[in-house]
Amino acid sequence: MDERLPQFLHKPTQILWFDSQEFIVVMSTIFVAVIVGGIIGWLLIGALLLFIPWKRTKPRGFIPHLAWRWGLARFRHYPGPTQTRFFE
């Protein structure tokens, strides 16, 4: 099994001028906007143009934690977002 590590671990992987999480959001939003089309498609593109600068003010790893908070993703060995107490 061969794994590659980036040269600098503190720098995020970039695709074009987006980091990997932004690229996934951009491509999925454009894909849905093309399928939906019309005014709703343009509203999705406008929301994307507002989301990217807002996301860049947040720390790295914000999108997976946001998905966890909304209940869309799970982290292994961590409690759910609705739990108020956690005993190790």
C-alpha atoms as a PDB file:
ATOM      1  CA  MET A   1       0.000   0.000   0.000  1.00  0.00           C
ATOM      2  CA  ASP A   2       1.542   3.259  -1.153  1.00  0.00           C
ATOM      3  CA  GLU A   3       0.370   6.558   0.351  1.00  0.00           C
ATOM      4  CA  ARG A   4       1.508  10.025  -0.601  1.00  0.00           C
ATOM      5  CA  LEU A   5       1.847  12.881   1.838  1.00  0.00           C
ATOM      6  CA  PRO A   6       1.878  16.531   0.805  1.00  0.00           C
ATOM      7  CA  GLN A   7       5.176  18.349   1.094  1.00  0.00           C
ATOM      8  CA  PHE A   8       3.791  20.775   3.675  1.00  0.00           C
ATOM      9  CA  LEU A   9       1.186  19.336   6.046  1.00  0.00           C
ATOM     10  CA  HIS A  10      -0.135  22.743   7.100  1.00  0.00           C
ATOM     11  CA  LYS A  11      -1.121  23.754   3.550  1.00  0.00           C
ATOM     12  CA  PRO A  12      -4.464  22.474   2.188  1.00  0.00           C
ATOM     13  CA  THR A  13      -4.649  20.617  -1.106  1.00  0.00           C
ATOM     14  CA  GLN A  14      -5.597  23.056  -3.861  1.00  0.00           C
ATOM     15  CA  ILE A  15      -7.546  22.421  -7.053  1.00  0.00           C
ATOM     16  CA  LEU A  16      -7.438  25.508  -9.256  1.00  0.00           C
ATOM     17  CA  TRP A  17      -7.743  28.324  -6.662  1.00  0.00           C
ATOM     18  CA  PHE A  18     -10.069  26.408  -4.308  1.00  0.00           C
ATOM     19  CA  ASP A  19      -9.112  24.097  -1.475  1.00  0.00           C
ATOM     20  CA  SER A  20     -10.492  20.562  -1.744  1.00  0.00           C
ATOM     21  CA  GLN A  21     -13.616  21.215   0.353  1.00  0.00           C
ATOM     22  CA  GLU A  22     -14.489  24.392  -1.539  1.00  0.00           C
ATOM     23  CA  PHE A  23     -13.990  22.592  -4.853  1.00  0.00           C
ATOM     24  CA  ILE A  24     -16.519  19.909  -3.894  1.00  0.00           C
ATOM     25  CA  VAL A  25     -19.070  22.553  -2.882  1.00  0.00           C
ATOM     26  CA  VAL A  26     -18.475  24.583  -6.067  1.00  0.00           C
ATOM     27  CA  MET A  27     -18.764  21.604  -8.416  1.00  0.00           C
ATOM     28  CA  SER A  28     -21.850  20.167  -6.740  1.00  0.00           C
ATOM     29  CA  THR A  29     -23.582  23.573  -6.688  1.00  0.00           C
ATOM     30  CA  ILE A  30     -22.830  24.196 -10.366  1.00  0.00           C
ATOM     31  CA  PHE A  31     -24.005  20.672 -11.227  1.00  0.00           C
ATOM     32  CA  VAL A  32     -27.330  21.180  -9.430  1.00  0.00           C
ATOM     33  CA  ALA A  33     -27.737  24.693 -10.881  1.00  0.00           C
ATOM     34  CA  VAL A  34     -27.292  23.375 -14.430  1.00  0.00           C
ATOM     35  CA  ILE A  35     -29.831  20.611 -13.848  1.00  0.00           C
ATOM     36  CA  VAL A  36     -32.397  22.873 -12.146  1.00  0.00           C
ATOM     37  CA  GLY A  37     -31.807  25.866 -14.406  1.00  0.00           C
ATOM     38  CA  GLY A  38     -33.798  29.067 -14.546  1.00  0.00           C
ATOM     39  CA  ILE A  39     -33.974  31.560 -11.723  1.00  0.00           C
ATOM     40  CA  ILE A  40     -33.353  28.908  -9.063  1.00  0.00           C
ATOM     41  CA  GLY A  41     -30.084  27.941 -10.757  1.00  0.00           C
ATOM     42  CA  TRP A  42     -28.961  31.558 -10.772  1.00  0.00           C
ATOM     43  CA  LEU A  43     -29.929  31.882  -7.097  1.00  0.00           C
ATOM     44  CA  LEU A  44     -27.764  28.855  -6.300  1.00  0.00           C
ATOM     45  CA  ILE A  45     -24.815  30.433  -8.115  1.00  0.00           C
ATOM     46  CA  GLY A  46     -25.423  33.702  -6.218  1.00  0.00           C
ATOM     47  CA  ALA A  47     -25.537  31.834  -2.914  1.00  0.00           C
ATOM     48  CA  LEU A  48     -22.268  30.140  -3.857  1.00  0.00           C
ATOM     49  CA  LEU A  49     -20.657  33.527  -4.541  1.00  0.00           C
ATOM     50  CA  LEU A  50     -21.673  34.633  -1.048  1.00  0.00           C
ATOM     51  CA  PHE A  51     -20.726  31.345   0.637  1.00  0.00           C
ATOM     52  CA  ILE A  52     -17.095  31.099  -0.568  1.00  0.00           C
ATOM     53  CA  PRO A  53     -15.878  34.420   0.973  1.00  0.00           C
ATOM     54  CA  TRP A  54     -17.790  33.636   4.184  1.00  0.00           C
ATOM     55  CA  LYS A  55     -16.265  30.147   4.345  1.00  0.00           C
ATOM     56  CA  ARG A  56     -12.751  31.554   3.940  1.00  0.00           C
ATOM     57  CA  THR A  57     -13.181  33.490   7.196  1.00  0.00           C
ATOM     58  CA  LYS A  58     -13.688  30.167   9.038  1.00  0.00           C
ATOM     59  CA  PRO A  59     -10.939  27.736  10.128  1.00  0.00           C
ATOM     60  CA  ARG A  60      -9.902  24.705   8.071  1.00  0.00           C
ATOM     61  CA  GLY A  61     -12.239  21.741   8.400  1.00  0.00           C
ATOM     62  CA  PHE A  62     -15.297  23.929   8.884  1.00  0.00           C
ATOM     63  CA  ILE A  63     -17.479  22.183   6.280  1.00  0.00           C
ATOM     64  CA  PRO A  64     -17.225  18.645   7.768  1.00  0.00           C
ATOM     65  CA  HIS A  65     -17.971  20.052  11.214  1.00  0.00           C
ATOM     66  CA  LEU A  66     -20.925  21.981   9.821  1.00  0.00           C
ATOM     67  CA  ALA A  67     -22.233  18.756   8.236  1.00  0.00           C
ATOM     68  CA  TRP A  68     -21.745  16.989  11.589  1.00  0.00           C
ATOM     69  CA  ARG A  69     -23.674  19.728  13.405  1.00  0.00           C
ATOM     70  CA  TRP A  70     -26.581  19.387  10.949  1.00  0.00           C
ATOM     71  CA  GLY A  71     -26.542  15.601  11.356  1.00  0.00           C
ATOM     72  CA  LEU A  72     -25.394  14.877   7.793  1.00  0.00           C
ATOM     73  CA  ALA A  73     -22.034  13.328   8.739  1.00  0.00           C
ATOM     74  CA  ARG A  74     -20.675  11.236  11.584  1.00  0.00           C
ATOM     75  CA  PHE A  75     -17.231  11.232  13.153  1.00  0.00           C
ATOM     76  CA  ARG A  76     -16.032   7.875  14.393  1.00  0.00           C
ATOM     77  CA  HIS A  77     -15.729   7.574  18.189  1.00  0.00           C
ATOM     78  CA  TYR A  78     -17.364  10.972  18.770  1.00  0.00           C
ATOM     79  CA  PRO A  79     -20.814  11.695  20.208  1.00  0.00           C
ATOM     80  CA  GLY A  80     -23.626  13.018  18.042  1.00  0.00           C
ATOM     81  CA  PRO A  81     -24.366  16.742  17.726  1.00  0.00           C
ATOM     82  CA  THR A  82     -27.445  16.579  19.976  1.00  0.00           C
ATOM     83  CA  GLN A  83     -25.725  14.994  22.969  1.00  0.00           C
ATOM     84  CA  THR A  84     -25.127  17.372  25.850  1.00  0.00           C
ATOM     85  CA  ARG A  85     -23.090  15.016  28.054  1.00  0.00           C
ATOM     86  CA  PHE A  86     -20.225  12.747  27.138  1.00  0.00           C
ATOM     87  CA  PHE A  87     -18.486  10.283  29.453  1.00  0.00           C
ATOM     88  CA  GLU A  88     -15.208   8.742  28.289  1.00  0.00           C
END
